[in-house]
Amino acid sequence: MAISLEQANDLLKSWGATDIQCNLTLPANADQLESDTRIKSLFLIQESLELLFDDAKQRQGFMTSTHKNMFDNHKPLSLIANGKLDDLIEVQRQIRSLVCI
């Protein structure tokens, strides 16, 4: 079953994203390939977070907290919500690397 845009928005909301952050992360004007890439990246982040943290509150806390060593003192949610696909992919890559250690 394909993951929907609605499911991706729900995931962002579970991390504490605002409507504006959801719209920037999943822009309506993105082509199908970009939309699919964004949605896939979000769910890969979630998959990694679920391996790292049992509790949804811990996952939300990770996404809304600043991280000096990983994200140059930024919040992962803020980085992915800036609208840049490259930043979303980089956040996904860095979080995934925590699982692979």
PDB file of N, CA and C in Angstrom:
ATOM      1  N   MET A   1       0.841  -1.187   0.000  1.00  0.00           N
ATOM      2  CA  MET A   1       0.000   0.000   0.000  1.00  0.00           C
ATOM      3  C   MET A   1       0.881   1.244   0.000  1.00  0.00           C
ATOM      4  N   ALA A   2       0.593   2.156  -0.870  1.00  0.00           N
ATOM      5  CA  ALA A   2       1.368   3.380  -0.970  1.00  0.00           C
ATOM      6  C   ALA A   2       1.066   4.307   0.207  1.00  0.00           C
ATOM      7  N   ILE A   3       2.075   5.028   0.601  1.00  0.00           N
ATOM      8  CA  ILE A   3       1.920   5.995   1.694  1.00  0.00           C
ATOM      9  C   ILE A   3       1.355   7.278   1.109  1.00  0.00           C
ATOM     10  N   SER A   4       0.340   7.817   1.731  1.00  0.00           N
ATOM     11  CA  SER A   4      -0.338   8.998   1.205  1.00  0.00           C
ATOM     12  C   SER A   4       0.228  10.292   1.786  1.00  0.00           C
ATOM     13  N   LEU A   5      -0.105  11.358   1.107  1.00  0.00           N
ATOM     14  CA  LEU A   5       0.255  12.690   1.577  1.00  0.00           C
ATOM     15  C   LEU A   5      -0.375  12.961   2.936  1.00  0.00           C
ATOM     16  N   GLU A   6      -1.595  12.495   3.129  1.00  0.00           N
ATOM     17  CA  GLU A   6      -2.274  12.674   4.412  1.00  0.00           C
ATOM     18  C   GLU A   6      -1.523  11.965   5.539  1.00  0.00           C
ATOM     19  N   GLN A   7      -1.047  10.753   5.256  1.00  0.00           N
ATOM     20  CA  GLN A   7      -0.264  10.015   6.255  1.00  0.00           C
ATOM     21  C   GLN A   7       1.036  10.752   6.573  1.00  0.00           C
ATOM     22  N   ALA A   8       1.661  11.336   5.560  1.00  0.00           N
ATOM     23  CA  ALA A   8       2.886  12.090   5.777  1.00  0.00           C
ATOM     24  C   ALA A   8       2.611  13.328   6.631  1.00  0.00           C
ATOM     25  N   ASN A   9       1.502  14.003   6.374  1.00  0.00           N
ATOM     26  CA  ASN A   9       1.120  15.154   7.205  1.00  0.00           C
ATOM     27  C   ASN A   9       0.862  14.732   8.642  1.00  0.00           C
ATOM     28  N   ASP A  10       0.184  13.609   8.817  1.00  0.00           N
ATOM     29  CA  ASP A  10      -0.069  13.099  10.169  1.00  0.00           C
ATOM     30  C   ASP A  10       1.244  12.791  10.888  1.00  0.00           C
ATOM     31  N   LEU A  11       2.193  12.232  10.160  1.00  0.00           N
ATOM     32  CA  LEU A  11       3.498  11.942  10.747  1.00  0.00           C
ATOM     33  C   LEU A  11       4.188  13.223  11.191  1.00  0.00           C
ATOM     34  N   LEU A  12       4.200  14.220  10.332  1.00  0.00           N
ATOM     35  CA  LEU A  12       4.804  15.506  10.696  1.00  0.00           C
ATOM     36  C   LEU A  12       4.132  16.087  11.940  1.00  0.00           C
ATOM     37  N   LYS A  13       2.815  16.009  11.993  1.00  0.00           N
ATOM     38  CA  LYS A  13       2.075  16.510  13.162  1.00  0.00           C
ATOM     39  C   LYS A  13       2.464  15.745  14.424  1.00  0.00           C
ATOM     40  N   SER A  14       2.715  14.441  14.293  1.00  0.00           N
ATOM     41  CA  SER A  14       3.106  13.651  15.468  1.00  0.00           C
ATOM     42  C   SER A  14       4.462  14.087  15.999  1.00  0.00           C
ATOM     43  N   TRP A  15       5.271  14.691  15.144  1.00  0.00           N
ATOM     44  CA  TRP A  15       6.571  15.228  15.567  1.00  0.00           C
ATOM     45  C   TRP A  15       6.449  16.654  16.098  1.00  0.00           C
ATOM     46  N   GLY A  16       5.245  17.228  16.050  1.00  0.00           N
ATOM     47  CA  GLY A  16       5.036  18.577  16.557  1.00  0.00           C
ATOM     48  C   GLY A  16       5.037  19.655  15.497  1.00  0.00           C
ATOM     49  N   ALA A  17       4.936  19.278  14.225  1.00  0.00           N
ATOM     50  CA  ALA A  17       4.951  20.266  13.141  1.00  0.00           C
ATOM     51  C   ALA A  17       3.658  21.072  13.117  1.00  0.00           C
ATOM     52  N   THR A  18       3.799  22.332  12.755  1.00  0.00           N
ATOM     53  CA  THR A  18       2.648  23.201  12.537  1.00  0.00           C
ATOM     54  C   THR A  18       2.121  22.987  11.116  1.00  0.00           C
ATOM     55  N   ASP A  19       0.954  23.560  10.823  1.00  0.00           N
ATOM     56  CA  ASP A  19       0.425  23.476   9.461  1.00  0.00           C
ATOM     57  C   ASP A  19       1.385  24.120   8.469  1.00  0.00           C
ATOM     58  N   ILE A  20       1.979  25.233   8.847  1.00  0.00           N
ATOM     59  CA  ILE A  20       2.932  25.909   7.966  1.00  0.00           C
ATOM     60  C   ILE A  20       4.140  25.020   7.697  1.00  0.00           C
ATOM     61  N   GLN A  21       4.664  24.380   8.739  1.00  0.00           N
ATOM     62  CA  GLN A  21       5.799  23.480   8.561  1.00  0.00           C
ATOM     63  C   GLN A  21       5.430  22.297   7.672  1.00  0.00           C
ATOM     64  N   CYS A  22       4.225  21.777   7.826  1.00  0.00           N
ATOM     65  CA  CYS A  22       3.774  20.681   6.961  1.00  0.00           C
ATOM     66  C   CYS A  22       3.729  21.127   5.505  1.00  0.00           C
ATOM     67  N   ASN A  23       3.191  22.311   5.265  1.00  0.00           N
ATOM     68  CA  ASN A  23       3.089  22.820   3.900  1.00  0.00           C
ATOM     69  C   ASN A  23       4.454  23.087   3.281  1.00  0.00           C
ATOM     70  N   LEU A  24       5.410  23.529   4.082  1.00  0.00           N
ATOM     71  CA  LEU A  24       6.758  23.762   3.558  1.00  0.00           C
ATOM     72  C   LEU A  24       7.489  22.444   3.288  1.00  0.00           C
ATOM     73  N   THR A  25       7.257  21.456   4.136  1.00  0.00           N
ATOM     74  CA  THR A  25       7.913  20.164   3.978  1.00  0.00           C
ATOM     75  C   THR A  25       7.325  19.389   2.810  1.00  0.00           C
ATOM     76  N   LEU A  26       6.033  19.520   2.624  1.00  0.00           N
ATOM     77  CA  LEU A  26       5.318  18.815   1.550  1.00  0.00           C
ATOM     78  C   LEU A  26       4.598  19.835   0.665  1.00  0.00           C
ATOM     79  N   PRO A  27       5.366  20.581  -0.133  1.00  0.00           N
ATOM     80  CA  PRO A  27       4.765  21.661  -0.921  1.00  0.00           C
ATOM     81  C   PRO A  27       3.803  21.130  -1.989  1.00  0.00           C
ATOM     82  N   ALA A  28       2.699  21.835  -2.161  1.00  0.00           N
ATOM     83  CA  ALA A  28       1.670  21.438  -3.129  1.00  0.00           C
ATOM     84  C   ALA A  28       2.166  21.541  -4.566  1.00  0.00           C
ATOM     85  N   ASN A  29       3.163  22.383  -4.815  1.00  0.00           N
ATOM     86  CA  ASN A  29       3.647  22.588  -6.179  1.00  0.00           C
ATOM     87  C   ASN A  29       4.783  21.640  -6.569  1.00  0.00           C
ATOM     88  N   ALA A  30       5.118  20.684  -5.725  1.00  0.00           N
ATOM     89  CA  ALA A  30       6.178  19.724  -6.043  1.00  0.00           C
ATOM     90  C   ALA A  30       5.666  18.722  -7.080  1.00  0.00           C
ATOM     91  N   ASP A  31       6.552  18.299  -7.986  1.00  0.00           N
ATOM     92  CA  ASP A  31       6.143  17.266  -8.945  1.00  0.00           C
ATOM     93  C   ASP A  31       6.049  15.919  -8.234  1.00  0.00           C
ATOM     94  N   GLN A  32       5.548  14.916  -8.930  1.00  0.00           N
ATOM     95  CA  GLN A  32       5.282  13.617  -8.316  1.00  0.00           C
ATOM     96  C   GLN A  32       6.549  12.967  -7.768  1.00  0.00           C
ATOM     97  N   LEU A  33       7.646  13.038  -8.507  1.00  0.00           N
ATOM     98  CA  LEU A  33       8.892  12.433  -8.054  1.00  0.00           C
ATOM     99  C   LEU A  33       9.389  13.092  -6.775  1.00  0.00           C
ATOM    100  N   GLU A  34       9.350  14.416  -6.733  1.00  0.00           N
ATOM    101  CA  GLU A  34       9.790  15.122  -5.526  1.00  0.00           C
ATOM    102  C   GLU A  34       8.867  14.809  -4.354  1.00  0.00           C
ATOM    103  N   SER A  35       7.567  14.790  -4.584  1.00  0.00           N
ATOM    104  CA  SER A  35       6.619  14.464  -3.511  1.00  0.00           C
ATOM    105  C   SER A  35       6.882  13.067  -2.964  1.00  0.00           C
ATOM    106  N   ASP A  36       7.092  12.114  -3.868  1.00  0.00           N
ATOM    107  CA  ASP A  36       7.371  10.742  -3.437  1.00  0.00           C
ATOM    108  C   ASP A  36       8.665  10.665  -2.635  1.00  0.00           C
ATOM    109  N   THR A  37       9.681  11.407  -3.064  1.00  0.00           N
ATOM    110  CA  THR A  37      10.964  11.429  -2.354  1.00  0.00           C
ATOM    111  C   THR A  37      10.814  12.019  -0.963  1.00  0.00           C
ATOM    112  N   ARG A  38      10.059  13.096  -0.864  1.00  0.00           N
ATOM    113  CA  ARG A  38       9.828  13.731   0.437  1.00  0.00           C
ATOM    114  C   ARG A  38       9.078  12.787   1.378  1.00  0.00           C
ATOM    115  N   ILE A  39       8.031  12.178   0.883  1.00  0.00           N
ATOM    116  CA  ILE A  39       7.231  11.270   1.716  1.00  0.00           C
ATOM    117  C   ILE A  39       8.079  10.075   2.153  1.00  0.00           C
ATOM    118  N   LYS A  40       8.821   9.495   1.232  1.00  0.00           N
ATOM    119  CA  LYS A  40       9.675   8.351   1.567  1.00  0.00           C
ATOM    120  C   LYS A  40      10.709   8.742   2.621  1.00  0.00           C
ATOM    121  N   SER A  41      11.318   9.914   2.474  1.00  0.00           N
ATOM    122  CA  SER A  41      12.316  10.369   3.451  1.00  0.00           C
ATOM    123  C   SER A  41      11.716  10.532   4.837  1.00  0.00           C
ATOM    124  N   LEU A  42      10.519  11.082   4.903  1.00  0.00           N
ATOM    125  CA  LEU A  42       9.853  11.250   6.194  1.00  0.00           C
ATOM    126  C   LEU A  42       9.620   9.908   6.873  1.00  0.00           C
ATOM    127  N   PHE A  43       9.174   8.931   6.115  1.00  0.00           N
ATOM    128  CA  PHE A  43       8.902   7.634   6.722  1.00  0.00           C
ATOM    129  C   PHE A  43      10.175   6.853   7.030  1.00  0.00           C
ATOM    130  N   LEU A  44      11.255   7.119   6.321  1.00  0.00           N
ATOM    131  CA  LEU A  44      12.545   6.530   6.687  1.00  0.00           C
ATOM    132  C   LEU A  44      13.060   7.136   7.991  1.00  0.00           C
ATOM    133  N   ILE A  45      12.813   8.436   8.175  1.00  0.00           N
ATOM    134  CA  ILE A  45      13.161   9.077   9.448  1.00  0.00           C
ATOM    135  C   ILE A  45      12.363   8.412  10.573  1.00  0.00           C
ATOM    136  N   GLN A  46      11.066   8.244  10.366  1.00  0.00           N
ATOM    137  CA  GLN A  46      10.218   7.630  11.391  1.00  0.00           C
ATOM    138  C   GLN A  46      10.675   6.213  11.705  1.00  0.00           C
ATOM    139  N   GLU A  47      11.002   5.469  10.684  1.00  0.00           N
ATOM    140  CA  GLU A  47      11.473   4.099  10.892  1.00  0.00           C
ATOM    141  C   GLU A  47      12.716   4.080  11.780  1.00  0.00           C
ATOM    142  N   SER A  48      13.641   4.988  11.508  1.00  0.00           N
ATOM    143  CA  SER A  48      14.857   5.076  12.322  1.00  0.00           C
ATOM    144  C   SER A  48      14.542   5.506  13.745  1.00  0.00           C
ATOM    145  N   LEU A  49      13.660   6.493  13.887  1.00  0.00           N
ATOM    146  CA  LEU A  49      13.291   6.963  15.222  1.00  0.00           C
ATOM    147  C   LEU A  49      12.632   5.859  16.039  1.00  0.00           C
ATOM    148  N   GLU A  50      11.832   5.032  15.388  1.00  0.00           N
ATOM    149  CA  GLU A  50      11.181   3.931  16.096  1.00  0.00           C
ATOM    150  C   GLU A  50      12.197   2.903  16.582  1.00  0.00           C
ATOM    151  N   LEU A  51      13.285   2.735  15.854  1.00  0.00           N
ATOM    152  CA  LEU A  51      14.345   1.834  16.300  1.00  0.00           C
ATOM    153  C   LEU A  51      15.142   2.430  17.461  1.00  0.00           C
ATOM    154  N   LEU A  52      15.234   3.752  17.476  1.00  0.00           N
ATOM    155  CA  LEU A  52      16.002   4.444  18.518  1.00  0.00           C
ATOM    156  C   LEU A  52      15.194   4.696  19.788  1.00  0.00           C
ATOM    157  N   PHE A  53      13.901   4.977  19.639  1.00  0.00           N
ATOM    158  CA  PHE A  53      13.060   5.388  20.760  1.00  0.00           C
ATOM    159  C   PHE A  53      11.751   4.602  20.760  1.00  0.00           C
ATOM    160  N   ASP A  54      11.439   3.980  21.883  1.00  0.00           N
ATOM    161  CA  ASP A  54      10.199   3.213  22.008  1.00  0.00           C
ATOM    162  C   ASP A  54       8.964   4.118  22.086  1.00  0.00           C
ATOM    163  N   ASP A  55       9.131   5.271  22.674  1.00  0.00           N
ATOM    164  CA  ASP A  55       8.011   6.144  23.003  1.00  0.00           C
ATOM    165  C   ASP A  55       7.845   7.270  21.987  1.00  0.00           C
ATOM    166  N   ALA A  56       6.603   7.546  21.593  1.00  0.00           N
ATOM    167  CA  ALA A  56       6.313   8.628  20.639  1.00  0.00           C
ATOM    168  C   ALA A  56       6.762   9.986  21.175  1.00  0.00           C
ATOM    169  N   LYS A  57       6.652  10.195  22.475  1.00  0.00           N
ATOM    170  CA  LYS A  57       7.087  11.473  23.069  1.00  0.00           C
ATOM    171  C   LYS A  57       8.597  11.657  22.906  1.00  0.00           C
ATOM    172  N   GLN A  58       9.341  10.563  23.017  1.00  0.00           N
ATOM    173  CA  GLN A  58      10.791  10.641  22.819  1.00  0.00           C
ATOM    174  C   GLN A  58      11.117  10.978  21.367  1.00  0.00           C
ATOM    175  N   ARG A  59      10.381  10.410  20.432  1.00  0.00           N
ATOM    176  CA  ARG A  59      10.601  10.714  19.013  1.00  0.00           C
ATOM    177  C   ARG A  59      10.293  12.176  18.739  1.00  0.00           C
ATOM    178  N   GLN A  60       9.192  12.657  19.290  1.00  0.00           N
ATOM    179  CA  GLN A  60       8.838  14.062  19.117  1.00  0.00           C
ATOM    180  C   GLN A  60       9.897  14.944  19.765  1.00  0.00           C
ATOM    181  N   GLY A  61      10.348  14.562  20.945  1.00  0.00           N
ATOM    182  CA  GLY A  61      11.376  15.335  21.632  1.00  0.00           C
ATOM    183  C   GLY A  61      12.657  15.418  20.829  1.00  0.00           C
ATOM    184  N   PHE A  62      13.037  14.322  20.200  1.00  0.00           N
ATOM    185  CA  PHE A  62      14.243  14.333  19.368  1.00  0.00           C
ATOM    186  C   PHE A  62      14.079  15.294  18.194  1.00  0.00           C
ATOM    187  N   MET A  63      12.923  15.253  17.552  1.00  0.00           N
ATOM    188  CA  MET A  63      12.703  16.075  16.367  1.00  0.00           C
ATOM    189  C   MET A  63      12.570  17.559  16.692  1.00  0.00           C
ATOM    190  N   THR A  64      12.206  17.894  17.926  1.00  0.00           N
ATOM    191  CA  THR A  64      11.992  19.300  18.288  1.00  0.00           C
ATOM    192  C   THR A  64      13.081  19.864  19.195  1.00  0.00           C
ATOM    193  N   SER A  65      14.140  19.097  19.401  1.00  0.00           N
ATOM    194  CA  SER A  65      15.254  19.558  20.238  1.00  0.00           C
ATOM    195  C   SER A  65      16.453  19.925  19.364  1.00  0.00           C
ATOM    196  N   THR A  66      17.234  20.879  19.846  1.00  0.00           N
ATOM    197  CA  THR A  66      18.457  21.227  19.125  1.00  0.00           C
ATOM    198  C   THR A  66      19.521  20.162  19.376  1.00  0.00           C
ATOM    199  N   HIS A  67      20.342  19.946  18.365  1.00  0.00           N
ATOM    200  CA  HIS A  67      21.398  18.935  18.429  1.00  0.00           C
ATOM    201  C   HIS A  67      22.682  19.569  17.903  1.00  0.00           C
ATOM    202  N   LYS A  68      23.572  19.885  18.831  1.00  0.00           N
ATOM    203  CA  LYS A  68      24.798  20.599  18.478  1.00  0.00           C
ATOM    204  C   LYS A  68      25.693  19.775  17.556  1.00  0.00           C
ATOM    205  N   ASN A  69      25.876  18.508  17.861  1.00  0.00           N
ATOM    206  CA  ASN A  69      26.829  17.703  17.108  1.00  0.00           C
ATOM    207  C   ASN A  69      26.289  17.187  15.780  1.00  0.00           C
ATOM    208  N   MET A  70      24.991  17.006  15.666  1.00  0.00           N
ATOM    209  CA  MET A  70      24.439  16.440  14.438  1.00  0.00           C
ATOM    210  C   MET A  70      23.892  17.481  13.477  1.00  0.00           C
ATOM    211  N   PHE A  71      23.217  18.451  13.986  1.00  0.00           N
ATOM    212  CA  PHE A  71      22.488  19.372  13.123  1.00  0.00           C
ATOM    213  C   PHE A  71      22.912  20.826  13.315  1.00  0.00           C
ATOM    214  N   ASP A  72      24.162  21.000  13.712  1.00  0.00           N
ATOM    215  CA  ASP A  72      24.722  22.354  13.863  1.00  0.00           C
ATOM    216  C   ASP A  72      23.829  23.227  14.736  1.00  0.00           C
ATOM    217  N   ASN A  73      23.405  22.640  15.870  1.00  0.00           N
ATOM    218  CA  ASN A  73      22.589  23.337  16.873  1.00  0.00           C
ATOM    219  C   ASN A  73      21.200  23.729  16.350  1.00  0.00           C
ATOM    220  N   HIS A  74      20.682  22.957  15.423  1.00  0.00           N
ATOM    221  CA  HIS A  74      19.330  23.163  14.909  1.00  0.00           C
ATOM    222  C   HIS A  74      18.443  21.988  15.311  1.00  0.00           C
ATOM    223  N   LYS A  75      17.159  22.203  15.213  1.00  0.00           N
ATOM    224  CA  LYS A  75      16.180  21.145  15.442  1.00  0.00           C
ATOM    225  C   LYS A  75      15.958  20.410  14.117  1.00  0.00           C
ATOM    226  N   PRO A  76      15.944  19.084  14.130  1.00  0.00           N
ATOM    227  CA  PRO A  76      15.690  18.363  12.883  1.00  0.00           C
ATOM    228  C   PRO A  76      14.383  18.796  12.206  1.00  0.00           C
ATOM    229  N   LEU A  77      13.333  18.997  12.993  1.00  0.00           N
ATOM    230  CA  LEU A  77      12.062  19.412  12.422  1.00  0.00           C
ATOM    231  C   LEU A  77      12.173  20.760  11.720  1.00  0.00           C
ATOM    232  N   SER A  78      12.921  21.677  12.300  1.00  0.00           N
ATOM    233  CA  SER A  78      13.101  22.992  11.672  1.00  0.00           C
ATOM    234  C   SER A  78      13.856  22.875  10.356  1.00  0.00           C
ATOM    235  N   LEU A  79      14.836  21.991  10.312  1.00  0.00           N
ATOM    236  CA  LEU A  79      15.601  21.814   9.081  1.00  0.00           C
ATOM    237  C   LEU A  79      14.753  21.211   7.967  1.00  0.00           C
ATOM    238  N   ILE A  80      13.967  20.191   8.292  1.00  0.00           N
ATOM    239  CA  ILE A  80      13.168  19.584   7.228  1.00  0.00           C
ATOM    240  C   ILE A  80      12.013  20.490   6.805  1.00  0.00           C
ATOM    241  N   ALA A  81      11.600  21.386   7.698  1.00  0.00           N
ATOM    242  CA  ALA A  81      10.479  22.278   7.395  1.00  0.00           C
ATOM    243  C   ALA A  81      10.907  23.573   6.719  1.00  0.00           C
ATOM    244  N   ASN A  82      12.176  23.661   6.328  1.00  0.00           N
ATOM    245  CA  ASN A  82      12.595  24.862   5.604  1.00  0.00           C
ATOM    246  C   ASN A  82      12.245  24.779   4.125  1.00  0.00           C
ATOM    247  N   GLY A  83      11.762  23.616   3.700  1.00  0.00           N
ATOM    248  CA  GLY A  83      11.307  23.452   2.326  1.00  0.00           C
ATOM    249  C   GLY A  83      12.348  22.925   1.357  1.00  0.00           C
ATOM    250  N   LYS A  84      13.593  22.804   1.795  1.00  0.00           N
ATOM    251  CA  LYS A  84      14.654  22.343   0.898  1.00  0.00           C
ATOM    252  C   LYS A  84      14.733  20.814   0.926  1.00  0.00           C
ATOM    253  N   LEU A  85      14.577  20.209  -0.221  1.00  0.00           N
ATOM    254  CA  LEU A  85      14.633  18.754  -0.321  1.00  0.00           C
ATOM    255  C   LEU A  85      15.981  18.222   0.142  1.00  0.00           C
ATOM    256  N   ASP A  86      17.057  18.904  -0.211  1.00  0.00           N
ATOM    257  CA  ASP A  86      18.392  18.455   0.198  1.00  0.00           C
ATOM    258  C   ASP A  86      18.527  18.393   1.713  1.00  0.00           C
ATOM    259  N   ASP A  87      17.945  19.352   2.428  1.00  0.00           N
ATOM    260  CA  ASP A  87      18.015  19.341   3.888  1.00  0.00           C
ATOM    261  C   ASP A  87      17.204  18.186   4.472  1.00  0.00           C
ATOM    262  N   LEU A  88      16.057  17.909   3.894  1.00  0.00           N
ATOM    263  CA  LEU A  88      15.246  16.779   4.343  1.00  0.00           C
ATOM    264  C   LEU A  88      16.028  15.478   4.182  1.00  0.00           C
ATOM    265  N   ILE A  89      16.648  15.305   3.046  1.00  0.00           N
ATOM    266  CA  ILE A  89      17.425  14.087   2.787  1.00  0.00           C
ATOM    267  C   ILE A  89      18.619  13.998   3.731  1.00  0.00           C
ATOM    268  N   GLU A  90      19.256  15.116   4.011  1.00  0.00           N
ATOM    269  CA  GLU A  90      20.406  15.117   4.922  1.00  0.00           C
ATOM    270  C   GLU A  90      19.978  14.766   6.350  1.00  0.00           C
ATOM    271  N   VAL A  91      18.870  15.294   6.797  1.00  0.00           N
ATOM    272  CA  VAL A  91      18.360  14.941   8.128  1.00  0.00           C
ATOM    273  C   VAL A  91      18.056  13.441   8.178  1.00  0.00           C
ATOM    274  N   GLN A  92      17.425  12.942   7.145  1.00  0.00           N
ATOM    275  CA  GLN A  92      17.125  11.508   7.085  1.00  0.00           C
ATOM    276  C   GLN A  92      18.419  10.696   7.142  1.00  0.00           C
ATOM    277  N   ARG A  93      19.427  11.114   6.406  1.00  0.00           N
ATOM    278  CA  ARG A  93      20.697  10.401   6.377  1.00  0.00           C
ATOM    279  C   ARG A  93      21.366  10.401   7.751  1.00  0.00           C
ATOM    280  N   GLN A  94      21.367  11.551   8.412  1.00  0.00           N
ATOM    281  CA  GLN A  94      22.023  11.645   9.715  1.00  0.00           C
ATOM    282  C   GLN A  94      21.294  10.832  10.787  1.00  0.00           C
ATOM    283  N   ILE A  95      19.979  10.870  10.784  1.00  0.00           N
ATOM    284  CA  ILE A  95      19.234  10.085  11.764  1.00  0.00           C
ATOM    285  C   ILE A  95      19.419   8.595  11.474  1.00  0.00           C
ATOM    286  N   ARG A  96      19.394   8.227  10.211  1.00  0.00           N
ATOM    287  CA  ARG A  96      19.605   6.823   9.835  1.00  0.00           C
ATOM    288  C   ARG A  96      20.982   6.337  10.298  1.00  0.00           C
ATOM    289  N   SER A  97      21.973   7.224  10.272  1.00  0.00           N
ATOM    290  CA  SER A  97      23.319   6.837  10.673  1.00  0.00           C
ATOM    291  C   SER A  97      23.383   6.462  12.163  1.00  0.00           C
ATOM    292  N   LEU A  98      22.474   6.997  12.963  1.00  0.00           N
ATOM    293  CA  LEU A  98      22.427   6.638  14.383  1.00  0.00           C
ATOM    294  C   LEU A  98      22.042   5.176  14.579  1.00  0.00           C
ATOM    295  N   VAL A  99      21.220   4.671  13.695  1.00  0.00           N
ATOM    296  CA  VAL A  99      20.775   3.277  13.772  1.00  0.00           C
ATOM    297  C   VAL A  99      21.884   2.344  13.305  1.00  0.00           C
ATOM    298  N   CYS A 100      22.679   2.812  12.400  1.00  0.00           N
ATOM    299  CA  CYS A 100      23.710   1.972  11.767  1.00  0.00           C
ATOM    300  C   CYS A 100      25.021   1.943  12.550  1.00  0.00           C
ATOM    301  N   ILE A 101      25.057   2.587  13.691  1.00  0.00           N
ATOM    302  CA  ILE A 101      26.307   2.626  14.473  1.00  0.00           C
ATOM    303  C   ILE A 101      26.484   1.316  15.210  1.00  0.00           C
TER     304      ILE A 101
END
